[in-house]
Amino acid sequence: MAVVLVFGFVAGCSDVEPDAGAAAPAAKSTPSPSPTPSTTPVPPAPADGELPRSGRQIFPKHQLVGYVGLPGSPSLGPLDKDLDVKAAKLEKLAKSYAAGRTPLPVMELIVVVANGHPGKDGLYRSQIPDAKIQNYLAVARKHRMLLLLDIQPGRSKILTEVKRQERWLKEPDVGLAFDPEWAVGPGQVPGRVFGRTTGAELNSIATYLSGLVRQHDLPEKVFVFHQLSARILSNEQAFKQHPGVVTIKSVDGIGNRIDKEATWRKLTPKMAPGVHAGFKLFYTEDTRHGPLMTPAQVLALKPRPELVIYE
């Protein structure tokens, strides 16, 4: 997942090096925040606590296809503005991935953004206002799509940032995405090193989400963790399945088709039991190295990517 920074990764940094085919994202610039975001009324949640397109289980019925975005930052994906227009395009794209399943489009909104500066609290991350999350949820519900809240925690604790989103995560059509490459330790700066996580830390997040599902009688909740390098996640096999939580590893390797498939073959065999496979495509970074992979080429990967995300 790309990040909002005034600089990019330094190749071959002292903490960790990216895998072949997992090139660092290009430098980004932090968007200017809106002074007073207006809010859009949110339609009611899906009836009977179901998913947007019926039922309470994600797989094997559905195929998830998503766009990423951050308000006002087109470099971070298509969901920067014109959300109804983008939703129509996403709907069409999702149908091209159906292959015997029911397409379920996903809007992945970056709600906590890693920064190259410490901020007032020294945690190297910023949060978008609830009003903007509400606007995205309104559009997602209008088009019967899932909303994922993506977190790049910087130096903050990931579970702390997840719990800040509880008001939204209690909804039946809102899931979570975690970008551990932007989860750095004390003394580290996002963008200068790759962040890291562990199977145990992923367990703590999934345990929390499972508790929300049980407490509020929710349908299955999607939990995505992004990974572009093997070194970003350690002790992966420690991760366990959690009732009501559908966990997906999104393989985020950047490059041409050969490099992306090489990263896929390196990262998918290490998935813990019960974790589903996801695949990410970058409209800008990937096409610097060749044509963007087609839906047919993505679906030919083994195992089948059950979530495909476009940034």
C-alpha atoms as a PDB file:
ATOM      1  CA  MET A   1       0.000   0.000   0.000  1.00  0.00           C
ATOM      2  CA  ALA A   2       1.373   3.408  -0.918  1.00  0.00           C
ATOM      3  CA  VAL A   3       1.629   6.041   1.779  1.00  0.00           C
ATOM      4  CA  VAL A   4       1.258   9.795   2.048  1.00  0.00           C
ATOM      5  CA  LEU A   5       4.807  11.033   2.565  1.00  0.00           C
ATOM      6  CA  VAL A   6       7.088  13.766   1.356  1.00  0.00           C
ATOM      7  CA  PHE A   7       9.672  11.116   0.549  1.00  0.00           C
ATOM      8  CA  GLY A   8       9.675   7.469  -0.480  1.00  0.00           C
ATOM      9  CA  PHE A   9      11.426   4.380   0.757  1.00  0.00           C
ATOM     10  CA  VAL A  10      15.206   4.239   0.529  1.00  0.00           C
ATOM     11  CA  ALA A  11      16.039   1.057  -1.337  1.00  0.00           C
ATOM     12  CA  GLY A  12      18.177  -1.297   0.705  1.00  0.00           C
ATOM     13  CA  CYS A  13      17.559   0.554   3.983  1.00  0.00           C
ATOM     14  CA  SER A  14      19.236  -0.737   7.099  1.00  0.00           C
ATOM     15  CA  ASP A  15      16.132  -2.292   8.653  1.00  0.00           C
ATOM     16  CA  VAL A  16      14.780  -4.388   5.804  1.00  0.00           C
ATOM     17  CA  GLU A  17      15.003  -4.700   2.071  1.00  0.00           C
ATOM     18  CA  PRO A  18      12.011  -5.240  -0.197  1.00  0.00           C
ATOM     19  CA  ASP A  19      11.678  -8.548  -2.027  1.00  0.00           C
ATOM     20  CA  ALA A  20      12.358  -8.710  -5.744  1.00  0.00           C
ATOM     21  CA  GLY A  21       9.269  -7.458  -7.506  1.00  0.00           C
ATOM     22  CA  ALA A  22       8.162  -5.517  -4.433  1.00  0.00           C
ATOM     23  CA  ALA A  23       9.553  -2.128  -5.322  1.00  0.00           C
ATOM     24  CA  ALA A  24       8.992   0.768  -2.980  1.00  0.00           C
ATOM     25  CA  PRO A  25       6.175   3.185  -3.791  1.00  0.00           C
ATOM     26  CA  ALA A  26       6.971   6.522  -5.317  1.00  0.00           C
ATOM     27  CA  ALA A  27       7.066   9.598  -3.108  1.00  0.00           C
ATOM     28  CA  LYS A  28       3.723  11.184  -2.246  1.00  0.00           C
ATOM     29  CA  SER A  29       2.681  14.520  -0.822  1.00  0.00           C
ATOM     30  CA  THR A  30       0.286  15.001   2.066  1.00  0.00           C
ATOM     31  CA  PRO A  31      -3.096  16.372   0.937  1.00  0.00           C
ATOM     32  CA  SER A  32      -4.468  19.519   2.543  1.00  0.00           C
ATOM     33  CA  PRO A  33      -7.257  18.661   4.996  1.00  0.00           C
ATOM     34  CA  SER A  34     -10.698  20.129   4.471  1.00  0.00           C
ATOM     35  CA  PRO A  35     -11.418  22.777   7.104  1.00  0.00           C
ATOM     36  CA  THR A  36     -14.971  21.658   7.879  1.00  0.00           C
ATOM     37  CA  PRO A  37     -16.070  18.503   6.059  1.00  0.00           C
ATOM     38  CA  SER A  38     -19.738  18.341   5.135  1.00  0.00           C
ATOM     39  CA  THR A  39     -21.519  15.095   5.879  1.00  0.00           C
ATOM     40  CA  THR A  40     -23.831  12.979   3.768  1.00  0.00           C
ATOM     41  CA  PRO A  41     -26.740  11.245   5.516  1.00  0.00           C
ATOM     42  CA  VAL A  42     -26.048   7.518   5.801  1.00  0.00           C
ATOM     43  CA  PRO A  43     -28.720   5.137   4.490  1.00  0.00           C
ATOM     44  CA  PRO A  44     -29.839   2.373   6.849  1.00  0.00           C
ATOM     45  CA  ALA A  45     -27.623  -0.667   7.302  1.00  0.00           C
ATOM     46  CA  PRO A  46     -28.473  -3.798   5.300  1.00  0.00           C
ATOM     47  CA  ALA A  47     -31.624  -5.459   6.610  1.00  0.00           C
ATOM     48  CA  ASP A  48     -31.472  -8.181   9.267  1.00  0.00           C
ATOM     49  CA  GLY A  49     -27.764  -7.609   9.918  1.00  0.00           C
ATOM     50  CA  GLU A  50     -26.793  -9.053   6.547  1.00  0.00           C
ATOM     51  CA  LEU A  51     -24.019  -8.233   4.109  1.00  0.00           C
ATOM     52  CA  PRO A  52     -24.757  -5.613   1.420  1.00  0.00           C
ATOM     53  CA  ARG A  53     -25.786  -8.245  -1.154  1.00  0.00           C
ATOM     54  CA  SER A  54     -27.525 -10.675   1.210  1.00  0.00           C
ATOM     55  CA  GLY A  55     -26.315 -13.422   3.474  1.00  0.00           C
ATOM     56  CA  ARG A  56     -23.987 -13.391   6.457  1.00  0.00           C
ATOM     57  CA  GLN A  57     -20.992 -15.269   5.044  1.00  0.00           C
ATOM     58  CA  ILE A  58     -18.352 -13.831   2.727  1.00  0.00           C
ATOM     59  CA  PHE A  59     -16.886 -16.959   1.122  1.00  0.00           C
ATOM     60  CA  PRO A  60     -17.279 -19.027  -0.967  1.00  0.00           C
ATOM     61  CA  LYS A  61     -20.286 -17.125  -2.318  1.00  0.00           C
ATOM     62  CA  HIS A  62     -18.664 -13.767  -2.980  1.00  0.00           C
ATOM     63  CA  GLN A  63     -15.741 -12.449  -4.993  1.00  0.00           C
ATOM     64  CA  LEU A  64     -14.395  -9.223  -3.498  1.00  0.00           C
ATOM     65  CA  VAL A  65     -13.013  -6.494  -5.783  1.00  0.00           C
ATOM     66  CA  GLY A  66     -12.009  -3.125  -4.412  1.00  0.00           C
ATOM     67  CA  TYR A  67     -10.733   0.373  -5.003  1.00  0.00           C
ATOM     68  CA  VAL A  68      -8.473   2.176  -2.499  1.00  0.00           C
ATOM     69  CA  GLY A  69      -8.587   5.858  -1.766  1.00  0.00           C
ATOM     70  CA  LEU A  70      -7.999   8.852   0.464  1.00  0.00           C
ATOM     71  CA  PRO A  71     -10.011  12.067   0.070  1.00  0.00           C
ATOM     72  CA  GLY A  72      -8.104  14.602  -2.001  1.00  0.00           C
ATOM     73  CA  SER A  73      -5.155  12.325  -2.814  1.00  0.00           C
ATOM     74  CA  PRO A  74      -5.450  10.788  -6.311  1.00  0.00           C
ATOM     75  CA  SER A  75      -1.958   9.274  -6.009  1.00  0.00           C
ATOM     76  CA  LEU A  76      -3.328   6.863  -3.385  1.00  0.00           C
ATOM     77  CA  GLY A  77      -6.028   5.308  -5.521  1.00  0.00           C
ATOM     78  CA  PRO A  78      -9.261   6.015  -7.372  1.00  0.00           C
ATOM     79  CA  LEU A  79     -11.426   6.806  -4.333  1.00  0.00           C
ATOM     80  CA  ASP A  80     -10.192  10.370  -3.909  1.00  0.00           C
ATOM     81  CA  LYS A  81     -13.356  12.072  -5.216  1.00  0.00           C
ATOM     82  CA  ASP A  82     -16.385  11.594  -7.516  1.00  0.00           C
ATOM     83  CA  LEU A  83     -17.389   8.580  -5.468  1.00  0.00           C
ATOM     84  CA  ASP A  84     -20.610   7.764  -7.311  1.00  0.00           C
ATOM     85  CA  VAL A  85     -18.765   7.758 -10.636  1.00  0.00           C
ATOM     86  CA  LYS A  86     -16.008   5.576  -9.185  1.00  0.00           C
ATOM     87  CA  ALA A  87     -18.577   3.233  -7.656  1.00  0.00           C
ATOM     88  CA  ALA A  88     -20.127   2.668 -11.093  1.00  0.00           C
ATOM     89  CA  LYS A  89     -16.698   1.835 -12.540  1.00  0.00           C
ATOM     90  CA  LEU A  90     -15.942  -0.483  -9.640  1.00  0.00           C
ATOM     91  CA  GLU A  91     -19.240  -2.273 -10.163  1.00  0.00           C
ATOM     92  CA  LYS A  92     -18.330  -2.988 -13.785  1.00  0.00           C
ATOM     93  CA  LEU A  93     -14.824  -4.101 -12.819  1.00  0.00           C
ATOM     94  CA  ALA A  94     -16.137  -6.437 -10.105  1.00  0.00           C
ATOM     95  CA  LYS A  95     -18.337  -8.231 -12.630  1.00  0.00           C
ATOM     96  CA  SER A  96     -15.264  -9.061 -14.710  1.00  0.00           C
ATOM     97  CA  TYR A  97     -13.957 -11.088 -11.746  1.00  0.00           C
ATOM     98  CA  ALA A  98     -17.156 -13.013 -11.009  1.00  0.00           C
ATOM     99  CA  ALA A  99     -16.084 -16.398 -12.452  1.00  0.00           C
ATOM    100  CA  GLY A 100     -18.979 -18.252 -10.865  1.00  0.00           C
ATOM    101  CA  ARG A 101     -19.271 -16.104  -7.750  1.00  0.00           C
ATOM    102  CA  THR A 102     -21.367 -13.112  -6.731  1.00  0.00           C
ATOM    103  CA  PRO A 103     -19.317  -9.913  -7.125  1.00  0.00           C
ATOM    104  CA  LEU A 104     -19.162  -7.840  -3.944  1.00  0.00           C
ATOM    105  CA  PRO A 105     -17.393  -4.503  -4.525  1.00  0.00           C
ATOM    106  CA  VAL A 106     -15.268  -3.033  -1.734  1.00  0.00           C
ATOM    107  CA  MET A 107     -14.378   0.588  -1.009  1.00  0.00           C
ATOM    108  CA  GLU A 108     -11.126   0.664   0.985  1.00  0.00           C
ATOM    109  CA  LEU A 109     -10.788   4.054   2.644  1.00  0.00           C
ATOM    110  CA  ILE A 110      -7.489   5.037   4.260  1.00  0.00           C
ATOM    111  CA  VAL A 111      -8.587   6.449   7.612  1.00  0.00           C
ATOM    112  CA  VAL A 112      -5.211   6.554   9.401  1.00  0.00           C
ATOM    113  CA  VAL A 113      -2.306   7.745   7.263  1.00  0.00           C
ATOM    114  CA  ALA A 114       1.391   7.277   8.052  1.00  0.00           C
ATOM    115  CA  ASN A 115       3.405  10.498   7.780  1.00  0.00           C
ATOM    116  CA  GLY A 116       7.064  11.423   7.515  1.00  0.00           C
ATOM    117  CA  HIS A 117       6.662  14.065  10.247  1.00  0.00           C
ATOM    118  CA  PRO A 118       5.836  13.351  13.913  1.00  0.00           C
ATOM    119  CA  GLY A 119       2.730  15.484  14.331  1.00  0.00           C
ATOM    120  CA  LYS A 120       1.664  16.979  17.659  1.00  0.00           C
ATOM    121  CA  ASP A 121       1.649  13.610  19.456  1.00  0.00           C
ATOM    122  CA  GLY A 122       4.880  12.313  17.901  1.00  0.00           C
ATOM    123  CA  LEU A 123       3.183   9.244  16.408  1.00  0.00           C
ATOM    124  CA  TYR A 124       3.890   9.919  12.719  1.00  0.00           C
ATOM    125  CA  ARG A 125       0.319   9.391  11.617  1.00  0.00           C
ATOM    126  CA  SER A 126      -2.816  11.421  11.016  1.00  0.00           C
ATOM    127  CA  GLN A 127      -6.493  10.512  11.076  1.00  0.00           C
ATOM    128  CA  ILE A 128      -9.238  11.630   8.745  1.00  0.00           C
ATOM    129  CA  PRO A 129     -12.396  13.115  10.320  1.00  0.00           C
ATOM    130  CA  ASP A 130     -15.421  10.960  11.104  1.00  0.00           C
ATOM    131  CA  ALA A 131     -17.429  13.172   8.762  1.00  0.00           C
ATOM    132  CA  LYS A 132     -15.419  11.911   5.793  1.00  0.00           C
ATOM    133  CA  ILE A 133     -15.817   8.300   6.881  1.00  0.00           C
ATOM    134  CA  GLN A 134     -19.546   8.921   7.077  1.00  0.00           C
ATOM    135  CA  ASN A 135     -19.560  10.249   3.518  1.00  0.00           C
ATOM    136  CA  TYR A 136     -17.822   7.133   2.224  1.00  0.00           C
ATOM    137  CA  LEU A 137     -20.136   4.829   4.159  1.00  0.00           C
ATOM    138  CA  ALA A 138     -23.131   6.631   2.678  1.00  0.00           C
ATOM    139  CA  VAL A 139     -21.869   6.008  -0.858  1.00  0.00           C
ATOM    140  CA  ALA A 140     -20.950   2.398  -0.084  1.00  0.00           C
ATOM    141  CA  ARG A 141     -24.457   1.731   1.224  1.00  0.00           C
ATOM    142  CA  LYS A 142     -26.082   3.505  -1.700  1.00  0.00           C
ATOM    143  CA  HIS A 143     -24.293   1.106  -4.069  1.00  0.00           C
ATOM    144  CA  ARG A 144     -24.517  -1.959  -1.758  1.00  0.00           C
ATOM    145  CA  MET A 145     -20.764  -2.246  -1.277  1.00  0.00           C
ATOM    146  CA  LEU A 146     -18.526  -3.117   1.649  1.00  0.00           C
ATOM    147  CA  LEU A 147     -16.475  -0.368   3.288  1.00  0.00           C
ATOM    148  CA  LEU A 148     -13.007  -1.248   4.623  1.00  0.00           C
ATOM    149  CA  LEU A 149     -11.207   1.131   6.975  1.00  0.00           C
ATOM    150  CA  ASP A 150      -7.491   1.025   6.196  1.00  0.00           C
ATOM    151  CA  ILE A 151      -4.986   1.862   8.948  1.00  0.00           C
ATOM    152  CA  GLN A 152      -1.331   2.895   8.511  1.00  0.00           C
ATOM    153  CA  PRO A 153      -0.425   3.349  12.185  1.00  0.00           C
ATOM    154  CA  GLY A 154       3.031   4.966  12.058  1.00  0.00           C
ATOM    155  CA  ARG A 155       4.424   4.774  15.612  1.00  0.00           C
ATOM    156  CA  SER A 156       0.985   4.351  17.152  1.00  0.00           C
ATOM    157  CA  LYS A 157      -0.187   0.949  18.375  1.00  0.00           C
ATOM    158  CA  ILE A 158      -2.302  -0.758  15.744  1.00  0.00           C
ATOM    159  CA  LEU A 159      -4.897  -2.063  18.203  1.00  0.00           C
ATOM    160  CA  THR A 160      -5.299   1.433  19.658  1.00  0.00           C
ATOM    161  CA  GLU A 161      -6.017   2.799  16.186  1.00  0.00           C
ATOM    162  CA  VAL A 162      -8.409  -0.070  15.413  1.00  0.00           C
ATOM    163  CA  LYS A 163     -10.406   0.538  18.588  1.00  0.00           C
ATOM    164  CA  ARG A 164     -10.751   4.211  17.683  1.00  0.00           C
ATOM    165  CA  GLN A 165     -12.854   3.018  14.738  1.00  0.00           C
ATOM    166  CA  GLU A 166     -15.252   0.937  16.868  1.00  0.00           C
ATOM    167  CA  ARG A 167     -18.199   3.193  16.133  1.00  0.00           C
ATOM    168  CA  TRP A 168     -17.871   2.190  12.463  1.00  0.00           C
ATOM    169  CA  LEU A 169     -16.692  -1.389  12.928  1.00  0.00           C
ATOM    170  CA  LYS A 170     -19.919  -2.171  14.827  1.00  0.00           C
ATOM    171  CA  GLU A 171     -21.722  -1.739  11.507  1.00  0.00           C
ATOM    172  CA  PRO A 172     -22.513  -4.939   9.529  1.00  0.00           C
ATOM    173  CA  ASP A 173     -21.012  -3.671   6.278  1.00  0.00           C
ATOM    174  CA  VAL A 174     -17.720  -2.177   7.562  1.00  0.00           C
ATOM    175  CA  GLY A 175     -14.470  -4.154   7.741  1.00  0.00           C
ATOM    176  CA  LEU A 176     -10.829  -3.451   8.468  1.00  0.00           C
ATOM    177  CA  ALA A 177      -7.526  -3.314   6.586  1.00  0.00           C
ATOM    178  CA  PHE A 178      -4.069  -3.060   8.195  1.00  0.00           C
ATOM    179  CA  ASP A 179      -0.877  -1.874   6.473  1.00  0.00           C
ATOM    180  CA  PRO A 180       1.953  -3.254   8.634  1.00  0.00           C
ATOM    181  CA  GLU A 181       4.657  -1.855   6.363  1.00  0.00           C
ATOM    182  CA  TRP A 182       3.750   1.510   7.928  1.00  0.00           C
ATOM    183  CA  ALA A 183       3.776   0.218  11.539  1.00  0.00           C
ATOM    184  CA  VAL A 184       7.177   1.367  12.790  1.00  0.00           C
ATOM    185  CA  GLY A 185       8.871   1.213  16.173  1.00  0.00           C
ATOM    186  CA  PRO A 186      10.272   3.912  18.477  1.00  0.00           C
ATOM    187  CA  GLY A 187      12.956   5.948  16.760  1.00  0.00           C
ATOM    188  CA  GLN A 188      11.827   4.848  13.287  1.00  0.00           C
ATOM    189  CA  VAL A 189      10.169   6.992  10.624  1.00  0.00           C
ATOM    190  CA  PRO A 190       7.605   5.639   8.157  1.00  0.00           C
ATOM    191  CA  GLY A 191       8.998   5.710   4.655  1.00  0.00           C
ATOM    192  CA  ARG A 192      12.613   5.373   5.772  1.00  0.00           C
ATOM    193  CA  VAL A 193      12.167   1.771   6.922  1.00  0.00           C
ATOM    194  CA  PHE A 194       9.616  -0.943   6.334  1.00  0.00           C
ATOM    195  CA  GLY A 195       7.377  -1.471   9.346  1.00  0.00           C
ATOM    196  CA  ARG A 196       6.607  -4.922  10.681  1.00  0.00           C
ATOM    197  CA  THR A 197       4.022  -7.045  12.445  1.00  0.00           C
ATOM    198  CA  THR A 198       3.686 -10.554  13.835  1.00  0.00           C
ATOM    199  CA  GLY A 199       1.185 -13.375  13.764  1.00  0.00           C
ATOM    200  CA  ALA A 200       0.473 -12.655  17.427  1.00  0.00           C
ATOM    201  CA  GLU A 201      -0.346  -9.012  16.692  1.00  0.00           C
ATOM    202  CA  LEU A 202      -2.698 -10.042  13.888  1.00  0.00           C
ATOM    203  CA  ASN A 203      -4.337 -12.377  16.399  1.00  0.00           C
ATOM    204  CA  SER A 204      -4.979  -9.480  18.757  1.00  0.00           C
ATOM    205  CA  ILE A 205      -6.753  -7.533  16.016  1.00  0.00           C
ATOM    206  CA  ALA A 206      -8.845 -10.504  14.882  1.00  0.00           C
ATOM    207  CA  THR A 207      -9.761 -11.324  18.492  1.00  0.00           C
ATOM    208  CA  TYR A 208     -11.095  -7.802  18.958  1.00  0.00           C
ATOM    209  CA  LEU A 209     -13.093  -7.949  15.721  1.00  0.00           C
ATOM    210  CA  SER A 210     -14.486 -11.367  16.637  1.00  0.00           C
ATOM    211  CA  GLY A 211     -15.710  -9.880  19.919  1.00  0.00           C
ATOM    212  CA  LEU A 212     -17.582  -7.146  18.044  1.00  0.00           C
ATOM    213  CA  VAL A 213     -19.201  -9.703  15.754  1.00  0.00           C
ATOM    214  CA  ARG A 214     -20.364 -11.760  18.708  1.00  0.00           C
ATOM    215  CA  GLN A 215     -21.496  -8.799  20.824  1.00  0.00           C
ATOM    216  CA  HIS A 216     -23.504  -7.122  18.062  1.00  0.00           C
ATOM    217  CA  ASP A 217     -24.661 -10.237  16.149  1.00  0.00           C
ATOM    218  CA  LEU A 218     -22.914  -9.107  12.974  1.00  0.00           C
ATOM    219  CA  PRO A 219     -22.348 -10.985   9.731  1.00  0.00           C
ATOM    220  CA  GLU A 220     -18.797 -12.098   8.979  1.00  0.00           C
ATOM    221  CA  LYS A 221     -16.364  -9.204   9.159  1.00  0.00           C
ATOM    222  CA  VAL A 222     -13.545  -8.827   6.648  1.00  0.00           C
ATOM    223  CA  PHE A 223     -10.035  -8.283   8.038  1.00  0.00           C
ATOM    224  CA  VAL A 224      -7.348  -7.620   5.409  1.00  0.00           C
ATOM    225  CA  PHE A 225      -3.641  -7.327   6.110  1.00  0.00           C
ATOM    226  CA  HIS A 226      -1.385  -6.061   3.336  1.00  0.00           C
ATOM    227  CA  GLN A 227       2.040  -7.546   2.674  1.00  0.00           C
ATOM    228  CA  LEU A 228       4.631  -6.795  -0.010  1.00  0.00           C
ATOM    229  CA  SER A 229       7.700  -8.380   1.588  1.00  0.00           C
ATOM    230  CA  ALA A 230       8.234 -11.597   3.532  1.00  0.00           C
ATOM    231  CA  ARG A 231      10.154  -9.687   6.222  1.00  0.00           C
ATOM    232  CA  ILE A 232       7.179  -7.472   7.075  1.00  0.00           C
ATOM    233  CA  LEU A 233       5.371 -10.357   8.815  1.00  0.00           C
ATOM    234  CA  SER A 234       7.094 -12.720  11.242  1.00  0.00           C
ATOM    235  CA  ASN A 235       5.784 -15.900  12.894  1.00  0.00           C
ATOM    236  CA  GLU A 236       2.852 -15.918  10.502  1.00  0.00           C
ATOM    237  CA  GLN A 237       1.826 -19.448  11.474  1.00  0.00           C
ATOM    238  CA  ALA A 238       0.961 -18.189  14.971  1.00  0.00           C
ATOM    239  CA  PHE A 239      -2.163 -16.613  13.522  1.00  0.00           C
ATOM    240  CA  LYS A 240      -5.360 -18.531  14.304  1.00  0.00           C
ATOM    241  CA  GLN A 241      -8.865 -18.433  12.880  1.00  0.00           C
ATOM    242  CA  HIS A 242     -11.384 -16.369  14.838  1.00  0.00           C
ATOM    243  CA  PRO A 243     -15.170 -16.868  14.780  1.00  0.00           C
ATOM    244  CA  GLY A 244     -16.948 -14.384  12.551  1.00  0.00           C
ATOM    245  CA  VAL A 245     -13.744 -12.908  11.075  1.00  0.00           C
ATOM    246  CA  VAL A 246     -12.704 -13.554   7.461  1.00  0.00           C
ATOM    247  CA  THR A 247      -8.971 -12.852   7.275  1.00  0.00           C
ATOM    248  CA  ILE A 248      -7.353 -12.075   3.936  1.00  0.00           C
ATOM    249  CA  LYS A 249      -3.697 -11.554   3.085  1.00  0.00           C
ATOM    250  CA  SER A 250      -3.359  -9.014   0.277  1.00  0.00           C
ATOM    251  CA  VAL A 251      -0.124  -9.632  -1.614  1.00  0.00           C
ATOM    252  CA  ASP A 252       0.992  -6.143  -2.644  1.00  0.00           C
ATOM    253  CA  GLY A 253       4.075  -6.761  -4.779  1.00  0.00           C
ATOM    254  CA  ILE A 254       4.787  -4.005  -7.303  1.00  0.00           C
ATOM    255  CA  GLY A 255       6.201  -4.524 -10.787  1.00  0.00           C
ATOM    256  CA  ASN A 256       5.544  -6.341 -14.026  1.00  0.00           C
ATOM    257  CA  ARG A 257       3.536  -9.529 -14.241  1.00  0.00           C
ATOM    258  CA  ILE A 258       6.569 -11.786 -13.787  1.00  0.00           C
ATOM    259  CA  ASP A 259       7.706  -9.969 -10.655  1.00  0.00           C
ATOM    260  CA  LYS A 260       4.220  -9.808  -9.160  1.00  0.00           C
ATOM    261  CA  GLU A 261       3.694 -13.520  -9.721  1.00  0.00           C
ATOM    262  CA  ALA A 262       7.082 -14.234  -8.141  1.00  0.00           C
ATOM    263  CA  THR A 263       6.052 -12.285  -5.025  1.00  0.00           C
ATOM    264  CA  TRP A 264       2.757 -14.177  -5.023  1.00  0.00           C
ATOM    265  CA  ARG A 265       4.527 -17.541  -5.103  1.00  0.00           C
ATOM    266  CA  LYS A 266       6.800 -16.420  -2.281  1.00  0.00           C
ATOM    267  CA  LEU A 267       4.119 -15.106   0.089  1.00  0.00           C
ATOM    268  CA  THR A 268       1.041 -17.283  -0.403  1.00  0.00           C
ATOM    269  CA  PRO A 269       2.531 -20.657   0.683  1.00  0.00           C
ATOM    270  CA  LYS A 270       3.229 -19.161   4.122  1.00  0.00           C
ATOM    271  CA  MET A 271      -0.363 -18.248   4.870  1.00  0.00           C
ATOM    272  CA  ALA A 272      -1.703 -19.599   8.151  1.00  0.00           C
ATOM    273  CA  PRO A 273      -4.564 -22.109   7.915  1.00  0.00           C
ATOM    274  CA  GLY A 274      -7.867 -20.441   7.130  1.00  0.00           C
ATOM    275  CA  VAL A 275      -6.366 -17.230   5.720  1.00  0.00           C
ATOM    276  CA  HIS A 276      -7.680 -16.290   2.271  1.00  0.00           C
ATOM    277  CA  ALA A 277      -5.593 -14.907  -0.579  1.00  0.00           C
ATOM    278  CA  GLY A 278      -5.867 -11.373  -1.940  1.00  0.00           C
ATOM    279  CA  PHE A 279      -3.980  -9.588  -4.725  1.00  0.00           C
ATOM    280  CA  LYS A 280      -3.245  -5.930  -5.348  1.00  0.00           C
ATOM    281  CA  LEU A 281      -2.745  -4.026  -8.590  1.00  0.00           C
ATOM    282  CA  PHE A 282      -1.274  -0.516  -8.851  1.00  0.00           C
ATOM    283  CA  TYR A 283      -2.510   1.628 -11.724  1.00  0.00           C
ATOM    284  CA  THR A 284       0.632   3.786 -11.705  1.00  0.00           C
ATOM    285  CA  GLU A 285       3.474   1.794 -10.139  1.00  0.00           C
ATOM    286  CA  ASP A 286       2.739  -1.487 -11.960  1.00  0.00           C
ATOM    287  CA  THR A 287       2.344   0.128 -15.363  1.00  0.00           C
ATOM    288  CA  ARG A 288       5.801   1.673 -15.141  1.00  0.00           C
ATOM    289  CA  HIS A 289       7.049  -1.876 -15.668  1.00  0.00           C
ATOM    290  CA  GLY A 290       4.572  -3.167 -18.263  1.00  0.00           C
ATOM    291  CA  PRO A 291       0.843  -3.566 -18.903  1.00  0.00           C
ATOM    292  CA  LEU A 292      -1.502  -3.992 -15.972  1.00  0.00           C
ATOM    293  CA  MET A 293      -2.475  -7.609 -15.376  1.00  0.00           C
ATOM    294  CA  THR A 294      -5.924  -8.522 -16.708  1.00  0.00           C
ATOM    295  CA  PRO A 295      -8.709 -10.096 -14.644  1.00  0.00           C
ATOM    296  CA  ALA A 296      -8.146 -13.389 -16.472  1.00  0.00           C
ATOM    297  CA  GLN A 297      -4.436 -13.337 -15.567  1.00  0.00           C
ATOM    298  CA  VAL A 298      -5.192 -12.533 -11.926  1.00  0.00           C
ATOM    299  CA  LEU A 299      -7.817 -15.256 -11.637  1.00  0.00           C
ATOM    300  CA  ALA A 300      -5.348 -17.760 -13.079  1.00  0.00           C
ATOM    301  CA  LEU A 301      -3.147 -17.392  -9.974  1.00  0.00           C
ATOM    302  CA  LYS A 302      -3.106 -20.302  -7.548  1.00  0.00           C
ATOM    303  CA  PRO A 303      -4.648 -20.091  -5.015  1.00  0.00           C
ATOM    304  CA  ARG A 304      -7.443 -17.987  -6.477  1.00  0.00           C
ATOM    305  CA  PRO A 305      -7.332 -14.403  -5.208  1.00  0.00           C
ATOM    306  CA  GLU A 306     -10.673 -13.974  -3.431  1.00  0.00           C
ATOM    307  CA  LEU A 307     -10.040 -10.251  -3.000  1.00  0.00           C
ATOM    308  CA  VAL A 308      -8.538  -8.094  -5.767  1.00  0.00           C
ATOM    309  CA  ILE A 309      -7.701  -4.486  -4.903  1.00  0.00           C
ATOM    310  CA  TYR A 310      -6.814  -1.631  -7.246  1.00  0.00           C
ATOM    311  CA  GLU A 311      -4.812   1.418  -6.124  1.00  0.00           C
END
